[in-house]
Amino acid sequence: MMSKLITIRAYKFAELSDKAKEKFVHEMWDMPFESETGEYDADGEMIVEYDYFGEWDLEEQIDYCEMNNHLFNKYGQLVGHLEEVHDENL
């Protein structure tokens, strides 16, 4: 199998247009972040809260995407793992 070298544009969340950011925020509503409060309900079950990416301020969203190395296409869709190639002949 032969690999092919292609060039694509990938953007950090902070570099996206407002419309592209909104698209990603919309997609993230389906994936809440669970966190245990450390408190228990009347049945002795741990109380779990849900946190949503769309409720965070822009700085928190940018930080989350940077910490997780998220890169996007210009439409706000995540792109897969990319390898950076440093070749003077390219």
PDB file of N, CA and C in Angstrom:
ATOM      1  N   MET A   1       0.846  -1.161   0.000  1.00  0.00           N
ATOM      2  CA  MET A   1       0.000   0.000   0.000  1.00  0.00           C
ATOM      3  C   MET A   1       0.901   1.237   0.000  1.00  0.00           C
ATOM      4  N   MET A   2       0.591   2.148  -0.854  1.00  0.00           N
ATOM      5  CA  MET A   2       1.388   3.361  -0.975  1.00  0.00           C
ATOM      6  C   MET A   2       0.612   4.534  -0.378  1.00  0.00           C
ATOM      7  N   SER A   3       1.312   5.326   0.406  1.00  0.00           N
ATOM      8  CA  SER A   3       0.635   6.485   0.974  1.00  0.00           C
ATOM      9  C   SER A   3       0.813   7.673   0.039  1.00  0.00           C
ATOM     10  N   LYS A   4      -0.097   8.583   0.161  1.00  0.00           N
ATOM     11  CA  LYS A   4      -0.085   9.765  -0.687  1.00  0.00           C
ATOM     12  C   LYS A   4      -0.021  10.990   0.205  1.00  0.00           C
ATOM     13  N   LEU A   5       0.853  11.907  -0.118  1.00  0.00           N
ATOM     14  CA  LEU A   5       0.997  13.132   0.640  1.00  0.00           C
ATOM     15  C   LEU A   5       0.064  14.177   0.059  1.00  0.00           C
ATOM     16  N   ILE A   6      -0.820  14.697   0.912  1.00  0.00           N
ATOM     17  CA  ILE A   6      -1.747  15.743   0.482  1.00  0.00           C
ATOM     18  C   ILE A   6      -1.619  16.926   1.438  1.00  0.00           C
ATOM     19  N   THR A   7      -2.057  18.055   0.998  1.00  0.00           N
ATOM     20  CA  THR A   7      -2.053  19.245   1.833  1.00  0.00           C
ATOM     21  C   THR A   7      -3.494  19.627   2.125  1.00  0.00           C
ATOM     22  N   ILE A   8      -3.790  19.819   3.403  1.00  0.00           N
ATOM     23  CA  ILE A   8      -5.124  20.282   3.780  1.00  0.00           C
ATOM     24  C   ILE A   8      -4.963  21.459   4.731  1.00  0.00           C
ATOM     25  N   ARG A   9      -5.983  22.251   4.835  1.00  0.00           N
ATOM     26  CA  ARG A   9      -5.989  23.352   5.787  1.00  0.00           C
ATOM     27  C   ARG A   9      -6.749  22.882   7.027  1.00  0.00           C
ATOM     28  N   ALA A  10      -6.113  23.042   8.166  1.00  0.00           N
ATOM     29  CA  ALA A  10      -6.742  22.708   9.442  1.00  0.00           C
ATOM     30  C   ALA A  10      -6.636  23.935  10.331  1.00  0.00           C
ATOM     31  N   TYR A  11      -7.676  24.173  11.101  1.00  0.00           N
ATOM     32  CA  TYR A  11      -7.771  25.386  11.900  1.00  0.00           C
ATOM     33  C   TYR A  11      -7.962  25.050  13.369  1.00  0.00           C
ATOM     34  N   LYS A  12      -7.453  25.906  14.236  1.00  0.00           N
ATOM     35  CA  LYS A  12      -7.769  25.827  15.653  1.00  0.00           C
ATOM     36  C   LYS A  12      -9.156  26.433  15.841  1.00  0.00           C
ATOM     37  N   PHE A  13      -9.808  26.072  16.938  1.00  0.00           N
ATOM     38  CA  PHE A  13     -11.160  26.565  17.195  1.00  0.00           C
ATOM     39  C   PHE A  13     -11.198  28.089  17.168  1.00  0.00           C
ATOM     40  N   ALA A  14     -10.191  28.722  17.747  1.00  0.00           N
ATOM     41  CA  ALA A  14     -10.145  30.192  17.812  1.00  0.00           C
ATOM     42  C   ALA A  14     -10.069  30.827  16.429  1.00  0.00           C
ATOM     43  N   GLU A  15      -9.591  30.093  15.437  1.00  0.00           N
ATOM     44  CA  GLU A  15      -9.430  30.630  14.083  1.00  0.00           C
ATOM     45  C   GLU A  15     -10.680  30.486  13.228  1.00  0.00           C
ATOM     46  N   LEU A  16     -11.657  29.735  13.703  1.00  0.00           N
ATOM     47  CA  LEU A  16     -12.864  29.491  12.911  1.00  0.00           C
ATOM     48  C   LEU A  16     -13.752  30.726  12.847  1.00  0.00           C
ATOM     49  N   SER A  17     -14.553  30.790  11.798  1.00  0.00           N
ATOM     50  CA  SER A  17     -15.568  31.846  11.709  1.00  0.00           C
ATOM     51  C   SER A  17     -16.624  31.595  12.777  1.00  0.00           C
ATOM     52  N   ASP A  18     -17.422  32.595  13.071  1.00  0.00           N
ATOM     53  CA  ASP A  18     -18.490  32.427  14.063  1.00  0.00           C
ATOM     54  C   ASP A  18     -19.452  31.319  13.647  1.00  0.00           C
ATOM     55  N   LYS A  19     -19.753  31.250  12.370  1.00  0.00           N
ATOM     56  CA  LYS A  19     -20.678  30.225  11.874  1.00  0.00           C
ATOM     57  C   LYS A  19     -20.097  28.823  12.068  1.00  0.00           C
ATOM     58  N   ALA A  20     -18.807  28.660  11.797  1.00  0.00           N
ATOM     59  CA  ALA A  20     -18.159  27.356  11.974  1.00  0.00           C
ATOM     60  C   ALA A  20     -18.102  26.977  13.457  1.00  0.00           C
ATOM     61  N   LYS A  21     -17.818  27.951  14.312  1.00  0.00           N
ATOM     62  CA  LYS A  21     -17.812  27.685  15.750  1.00  0.00           C
ATOM     63  C   LYS A  21     -19.199  27.227  16.197  1.00  0.00           C
ATOM     64  N   GLU A  22     -20.232  27.907  15.732  1.00  0.00           N
ATOM     65  CA  GLU A  22     -21.601  27.550  16.099  1.00  0.00           C
ATOM     66  C   GLU A  22     -21.932  26.124  15.681  1.00  0.00           C
ATOM     67  N   LYS A  23     -21.431  25.691  14.532  1.00  0.00           N
ATOM     68  CA  LYS A  23     -21.682  24.333  14.059  1.00  0.00           C
ATOM     69  C   LYS A  23     -21.095  23.312  15.027  1.00  0.00           C
ATOM     70  N   PHE A  24     -19.849  23.540  15.453  1.00  0.00           N
ATOM     71  CA  PHE A  24     -19.227  22.607  16.389  1.00  0.00           C
ATOM     72  C   PHE A  24     -19.939  22.638  17.738  1.00  0.00           C
ATOM     73  N   VAL A  25     -20.277  23.818  18.231  1.00  0.00           N
ATOM     74  CA  VAL A  25     -20.995  23.934  19.497  1.00  0.00           C
ATOM     75  C   VAL A  25     -22.305  23.157  19.407  1.00  0.00           C
ATOM     76  N   HIS A  26     -23.019  23.287  18.301  1.00  0.00           N
ATOM     77  CA  HIS A  26     -24.282  22.565  18.110  1.00  0.00           C
ATOM     78  C   HIS A  26     -24.065  21.049  18.183  1.00  0.00           C
ATOM     79  N   GLU A  27     -23.004  20.561  17.552  1.00  0.00           N
ATOM     80  CA  GLU A  27     -22.717  19.124  17.571  1.00  0.00           C
ATOM     81  C   GLU A  27     -22.371  18.641  18.978  1.00  0.00           C
ATOM     82  N   MET A  28     -21.740  19.495  19.761  1.00  0.00           N
ATOM     83  CA  MET A  28     -21.307  19.108  21.101  1.00  0.00           C
ATOM     84  C   MET A  28     -22.462  19.019  22.100  1.00  0.00           C
ATOM     85  N   TRP A  29     -23.639  19.557  21.776  1.00  0.00           N
ATOM     86  CA  TRP A  29     -24.780  19.453  22.693  1.00  0.00           C
ATOM     87  C   TRP A  29     -25.165  18.001  22.929  1.00  0.00           C
ATOM     88  N   ASP A  30     -24.852  17.121  21.989  1.00  0.00           N
ATOM     89  CA  ASP A  30     -25.186  15.704  22.126  1.00  0.00           C
ATOM     90  C   ASP A  30     -24.199  14.953  23.008  1.00  0.00           C
ATOM     91  N   MET A  31     -23.129  15.632  23.460  1.00  0.00           N
ATOM     92  CA  MET A  31     -22.093  14.959  24.243  1.00  0.00           C
ATOM     93  C   MET A  31     -21.788  15.728  25.528  1.00  0.00           C
ATOM     94  N   PRO A  32     -22.696  15.651  26.512  1.00  0.00           N
ATOM     95  CA  PRO A  32     -22.424  16.372  27.761  1.00  0.00           C
ATOM     96  C   PRO A  32     -21.260  15.735  28.518  1.00  0.00           C
ATOM     97  N   PHE A  33     -20.616  16.530  29.338  1.00  0.00           N
ATOM     98  CA  PHE A  33     -19.540  16.052  30.189  1.00  0.00           C
ATOM     99  C   PHE A  33     -20.136  15.766  31.561  1.00  0.00           C
ATOM    100  N   GLU A  34     -19.941  14.550  32.054  1.00  0.00           N
ATOM    101  CA  GLU A  34     -20.449  14.167  33.365  1.00  0.00           C
ATOM    102  C   GLU A  34     -19.402  14.477  34.422  1.00  0.00           C
ATOM    103  N   SER A  35     -19.871  14.940  35.572  1.00  0.00           N
ATOM    104  CA  SER A  35     -18.954  15.113  36.705  1.00  0.00           C
ATOM    105  C   SER A  35     -19.699  14.789  37.987  1.00  0.00           C
ATOM    106  N   GLU A  36     -19.017  14.059  38.853  1.00  0.00           N
ATOM    107  CA  GLU A  36     -19.598  13.715  40.140  1.00  0.00           C
ATOM    108  C   GLU A  36     -19.421  14.896  41.076  1.00  0.00           C
ATOM    109  N   THR A  37     -20.450  15.199  41.839  1.00  0.00           N
ATOM    110  CA  THR A  37     -20.414  16.354  42.736  1.00  0.00           C
ATOM    111  C   THR A  37     -19.726  16.050  44.057  1.00  0.00           C
ATOM    112  N   GLY A  38     -19.577  14.764  44.380  1.00  0.00           N
ATOM    113  CA  GLY A  38     -19.043  14.386  45.690  1.00  0.00           C
ATOM    114  C   GLY A  38     -20.146  14.291  46.730  1.00  0.00           C
ATOM    115  N   GLU A  39     -21.382  14.568  46.310  1.00  0.00           N
ATOM    116  CA  GLU A  39     -22.539  14.495  47.213  1.00  0.00           C
ATOM    117  C   GLU A  39     -23.411  13.313  46.807  1.00  0.00           C
ATOM    118  N   TYR A  40     -24.225  12.871  47.747  1.00  0.00           N
ATOM    119  CA  TYR A  40     -25.098  11.726  47.503  1.00  0.00           C
ATOM    120  C   TYR A  40     -26.558  12.122  47.673  1.00  0.00           C
ATOM    121  N   ASP A  41     -27.416  11.461  46.911  1.00  0.00           N
ATOM    122  CA  ASP A  41     -28.850  11.725  47.049  1.00  0.00           C
ATOM    123  C   ASP A  41     -29.413  10.881  48.191  1.00  0.00           C
ATOM    124  N   ALA A  42     -30.736  10.944  48.397  1.00  0.00           N
ATOM    125  CA  ALA A  42     -31.400  10.240  49.507  1.00  0.00           C
ATOM    126  C   ALA A  42     -31.246   8.727  49.411  1.00  0.00           C
ATOM    127  N   ASP A  43     -31.023   8.208  48.193  1.00  0.00           N
ATOM    128  CA  ASP A  43     -30.864   6.763  47.996  1.00  0.00           C
ATOM    129  C   ASP A  43     -29.402   6.326  48.107  1.00  0.00           C
ATOM    130  N   GLY A  44     -28.525   7.266  48.419  1.00  0.00           N
ATOM    131  CA  GLY A  44     -27.107   6.924  48.547  1.00  0.00           C
ATOM    132  C   GLY A  44     -26.357   6.899  47.223  1.00  0.00           C
ATOM    133  N   GLU A  45     -26.998   7.374  46.172  1.00  0.00           N
ATOM    134  CA  GLU A  45     -26.359   7.405  44.850  1.00  0.00           C
ATOM    135  C   GLU A  45     -25.591   8.711  44.679  1.00  0.00           C
ATOM    136  N   MET A  46     -24.430   8.603  44.053  1.00  0.00           N
ATOM    137  CA  MET A  46     -23.626   9.792  43.778  1.00  0.00           C
ATOM    138  C   MET A  46     -24.395  10.723  42.846  1.00  0.00           C
ATOM    139  N   ILE A  47     -24.423  12.007  43.179  1.00  0.00           N
ATOM    140  CA  ILE A  47     -25.093  12.998  42.335  1.00  0.00           C
ATOM    141  C   ILE A  47     -24.148  13.368  41.196  1.00  0.00           C
ATOM    142  N   VAL A  48     -24.667  13.291  39.989  1.00  0.00           N
ATOM    143  CA  VAL A  48     -23.887  13.589  38.789  1.00  0.00           C
ATOM    144  C   VAL A  48     -24.469  14.834  38.131  1.00  0.00           C
ATOM    145  N   GLU A  49     -23.592  15.764  37.765  1.00  0.00           N
ATOM    146  CA  GLU A  49     -24.019  16.954  37.033  1.00  0.00           C
ATOM    147  C   GLU A  49     -23.525  16.846  35.604  1.00  0.00           C
ATOM    148  N   TYR A  50     -24.213  17.515  34.725  1.00  0.00           N
ATOM    149  CA  TYR A  50     -23.834  17.523  33.319  1.00  0.00           C
ATOM    150  C   TYR A  50     -23.419  18.926  32.922  1.00  0.00           C
ATOM    151  N   ASP A  51     -22.318  18.989  32.223  1.00  0.00           N
ATOM    152  CA  ASP A  51     -21.744  20.254  31.780  1.00  0.00           C
ATOM    153  C   ASP A  51     -21.735  20.216  30.255  1.00  0.00           C
ATOM    154  N   TYR A  52     -22.102  21.313  29.629  1.00  0.00           N
ATOM    155  CA  TYR A  52     -22.199  21.349  28.168  1.00  0.00           C
ATOM    156  C   TYR A  52     -21.232  22.370  27.583  1.00  0.00           C
ATOM    157  N   PHE A  53     -20.537  21.943  26.539  1.00  0.00           N
ATOM    158  CA  PHE A  53     -19.574  22.789  25.831  1.00  0.00           C
ATOM    159  C   PHE A  53     -20.213  24.121  25.432  1.00  0.00           C
ATOM    160  N   GLY A  54     -21.449  24.082  25.003  1.00  0.00           N
ATOM    161  CA  GLY A  54     -22.143  25.280  24.544  1.00  0.00           C
ATOM    162  C   GLY A  54     -22.456  26.284  25.647  1.00  0.00           C
ATOM    163  N   GLU A  55     -22.374  25.855  26.896  1.00  0.00           N
ATOM    164  CA  GLU A  55     -22.617  26.756  28.012  1.00  0.00           C
ATOM    165  C   GLU A  55     -21.352  27.470  28.475  1.00  0.00           C
ATOM    166  N   TRP A  56     -20.211  27.016  27.981  1.00  0.00           N
ATOM    167  CA  TRP A  56     -18.944  27.618  28.380  1.00  0.00           C
ATOM    168  C   TRP A  56     -18.732  28.920  27.631  1.00  0.00           C
ATOM    169  N   ASP A  57     -17.911  29.792  28.210  1.00  0.00           N
ATOM    170  CA  ASP A  57     -17.569  31.008  27.471  1.00  0.00           C
ATOM    171  C   ASP A  57     -16.505  30.662  26.418  1.00  0.00           C
ATOM    172  N   LEU A  58     -16.277  31.583  25.521  1.00  0.00           N
ATOM    173  CA  LEU A  58     -15.383  31.333  24.378  1.00  0.00           C
ATOM    174  C   LEU A  58     -13.988  30.915  24.828  1.00  0.00           C
ATOM    175  N   GLU A  59     -13.437  31.542  25.849  1.00  0.00           N
ATOM    176  CA  GLU A  59     -12.089  31.187  26.327  1.00  0.00           C
ATOM    177  C   GLU A  59     -12.034  29.739  26.797  1.00  0.00           C
ATOM    178  N   GLU A  60     -13.064  29.294  27.500  1.00  0.00           N
ATOM    179  CA  GLU A  60     -13.111  27.901  27.967  1.00  0.00           C
ATOM    180  C   GLU A  60     -13.207  26.938  26.787  1.00  0.00           C
ATOM    181  N   GLN A  61     -13.999  27.298  25.774  1.00  0.00           N
ATOM    182  CA  GLN A  61     -14.117  26.455  24.590  1.00  0.00           C
ATOM    183  C   GLN A  61     -12.779  26.357  23.861  1.00  0.00           C
ATOM    184  N   ILE A  62     -12.105  27.491  23.710  1.00  0.00           N
ATOM    185  CA  ILE A  62     -10.800  27.513  23.040  1.00  0.00           C
ATOM    186  C   ILE A  62      -9.805  26.661  23.824  1.00  0.00           C
ATOM    187  N   ASP A  63      -9.770  26.836  25.150  1.00  0.00           N
ATOM    188  CA  ASP A  63      -8.843  26.066  25.987  1.00  0.00           C
ATOM    189  C   ASP A  63      -9.098  24.568  25.859  1.00  0.00           C
ATOM    190  N   TYR A  64     -10.373  24.162  25.893  1.00  0.00           N
ATOM    191  CA  TYR A  64     -10.716  22.744  25.777  1.00  0.00           C
ATOM    192  C   TYR A  64     -10.212  22.173  24.447  1.00  0.00           C
ATOM    193  N   CYS A  65     -10.456  22.894  23.371  1.00  0.00           N
ATOM    194  CA  CYS A  65     -10.042  22.405  22.050  1.00  0.00           C
ATOM    195  C   CYS A  65      -8.525  22.337  21.927  1.00  0.00           C
ATOM    196  N   GLU A  66      -7.836  23.303  22.510  1.00  0.00           N
ATOM    197  CA  GLU A  66      -6.373  23.290  22.462  1.00  0.00           C
ATOM    198  C   GLU A  66      -5.810  22.152  23.312  1.00  0.00           C
ATOM    199  N   MET A  67      -6.366  21.941  24.507  1.00  0.00           N
ATOM    200  CA  MET A  67      -5.889  20.858  25.376  1.00  0.00           C
ATOM    201  C   MET A  67      -6.075  19.491  24.719  1.00  0.00           C
ATOM    202  N   ASN A  68      -7.109  19.369  23.907  1.00  0.00           N
ATOM    203  CA  ASN A  68      -7.412  18.094  23.257  1.00  0.00           C
ATOM    204  C   ASN A  68      -6.891  18.024  21.824  1.00  0.00           C
ATOM    205  N   ASN A  69      -6.108  19.019  21.442  1.00  0.00           N
ATOM    206  CA  ASN A  69      -5.505  19.063  20.104  1.00  0.00           C
ATOM    207  C   ASN A  69      -6.536  18.933  18.986  1.00  0.00           C
ATOM    208  N   HIS A  70      -7.702  19.537  19.182  1.00  0.00           N
ATOM    209  CA  HIS A  70      -8.732  19.500  18.145  1.00  0.00           C
ATOM    210  C   HIS A  70      -8.353  20.447  17.009  1.00  0.00           C
ATOM    211  N   LEU A  71      -8.452  19.933  15.807  1.00  0.00           N
ATOM    212  CA  LEU A  71      -8.291  20.742  14.601  1.00  0.00           C
ATOM    213  C   LEU A  71      -9.553  20.578  13.772  1.00  0.00           C
ATOM    214  N   PHE A  72      -9.878  21.605  13.008  1.00  0.00           N
ATOM    215  CA  PHE A  72     -11.152  21.652  12.289  1.00  0.00           C
ATOM    216  C   PHE A  72     -10.942  22.022  10.835  1.00  0.00           C
ATOM    217  N   ASN A  73     -11.918  21.629  10.002  1.00  0.00           N
ATOM    218  CA  ASN A  73     -11.943  22.198   8.663  1.00  0.00           C
ATOM    219  C   ASN A  73     -12.647  23.552   8.768  1.00  0.00           C
ATOM    220  N   LYS A  74     -12.723  24.274   7.694  1.00  0.00           N
ATOM    221  CA  LYS A  74     -13.276  25.636   7.760  1.00  0.00           C
ATOM    222  C   LYS A  74     -14.759  25.673   8.089  1.00  0.00           C
ATOM    223  N   TYR A  75     -15.422  24.510   8.043  1.00  0.00           N
ATOM    224  CA  TYR A  75     -16.853  24.443   8.329  1.00  0.00           C
ATOM    225  C   TYR A  75     -17.143  24.087   9.784  1.00  0.00           C
ATOM    226  N   GLY A  76     -16.102  23.909  10.599  1.00  0.00           N
ATOM    227  CA  GLY A  76     -16.291  23.583  12.002  1.00  0.00           C
ATOM    228  C   GLY A  76     -16.391  22.102  12.288  1.00  0.00           C
ATOM    229  N   GLN A  77     -16.002  21.268  11.332  1.00  0.00           N
ATOM    230  CA  GLN A  77     -16.012  19.823  11.542  1.00  0.00           C
ATOM    231  C   GLN A  77     -14.615  19.382  11.975  1.00  0.00           C
ATOM    232  N   LEU A  78     -14.569  18.475  12.957  1.00  0.00           N
ATOM    233  CA  LEU A  78     -13.283  17.953  13.404  1.00  0.00           C
ATOM    234  C   LEU A  78     -12.596  17.198  12.276  1.00  0.00           C
ATOM    235  N   VAL A  79     -11.297  17.371  12.181  1.00  0.00           N
ATOM    236  CA  VAL A  79     -10.511  16.565  11.249  1.00  0.00           C
ATOM    237  C   VAL A  79      -9.759  15.534  12.063  1.00  0.00           C
ATOM    238  N   GLY A  80      -9.426  14.425  11.442  1.00  0.00           N
ATOM    239  CA  GLY A  80      -8.728  13.354  12.148  1.00  0.00           C
ATOM    240  C   GLY A  80      -7.290  13.719  12.478  1.00  0.00           C
ATOM    241  N   HIS A  81      -6.589  12.757  12.987  1.00  0.00           N
ATOM    242  CA  HIS A  81      -5.183  12.950  13.353  1.00  0.00           C
ATOM    243  C   HIS A  81      -4.371  13.330  12.122  1.00  0.00           C
ATOM    244  N   LEU A  82      -3.565  14.358  12.275  1.00  0.00           N
ATOM    245  CA  LEU A  82      -2.724  14.818  11.181  1.00  0.00           C
ATOM    246  C   LEU A  82      -1.264  14.675  11.567  1.00  0.00           C
ATOM    247  N   GLU A  83      -0.447  14.367  10.595  1.00  0.00           N
ATOM    248  CA  GLU A  83       0.992  14.333  10.797  1.00  0.00           C
ATOM    249  C   GLU A  83       1.598  15.518  10.088  1.00  0.00           C
ATOM    250  N   GLU A  84       2.423  16.246  10.797  1.00  0.00           N
ATOM    251  CA  GLU A  84       3.081  17.394  10.198  1.00  0.00           C
ATOM    252  C   GLU A  84       4.385  16.917   9.569  1.00  0.00           C
ATOM    253  N   VAL A  85       4.590  17.287   8.320  1.00  0.00           N
ATOM    254  CA  VAL A  85       5.785  16.880   7.597  1.00  0.00           C
ATOM    255  C   VAL A  85       6.640  18.104   7.362  1.00  0.00           C
ATOM    256  N   HIS A  86       7.906  18.003   7.717  1.00  0.00           N
ATOM    257  CA  HIS A  86       8.865  19.076   7.474  1.00  0.00           C
ATOM    258  C   HIS A  86       9.813  18.592   6.384  1.00  0.00           C
ATOM    259  N   ASP A  87       9.535  18.975   5.171  1.00  0.00           N
ATOM    260  CA  ASP A  87      10.365  18.580   4.047  1.00  0.00           C
ATOM    261  C   ASP A  87      10.597  19.786   3.169  1.00  0.00           C
ATOM    262  N   GLU A  88      11.826  20.138   3.006  1.00  0.00           N
ATOM    263  CA  GLU A  88      12.166  21.326   2.230  1.00  0.00           C
ATOM    264  C   GLU A  88      11.815  21.181   0.754  1.00  0.00           C
ATOM    265  N   ASN A  89      11.608  19.954   0.278  1.00  0.00           N
ATOM    266  CA  ASN A  89      11.306  19.716  -1.124  1.00  0.00           C
ATOM    267  C   ASN A  89       9.817  19.829  -1.431  1.00  0.00           C
ATOM    268  N   LEU A  90       8.998  20.063  -0.419  1.00  0.00           N
ATOM    269  CA  LEU A  90       7.546  20.120  -0.652  1.00  0.00           C
ATOM    270  C   LEU A  90       7.121  21.505  -1.022  1.00  0.00           C
TER     271      LEU A  90
END
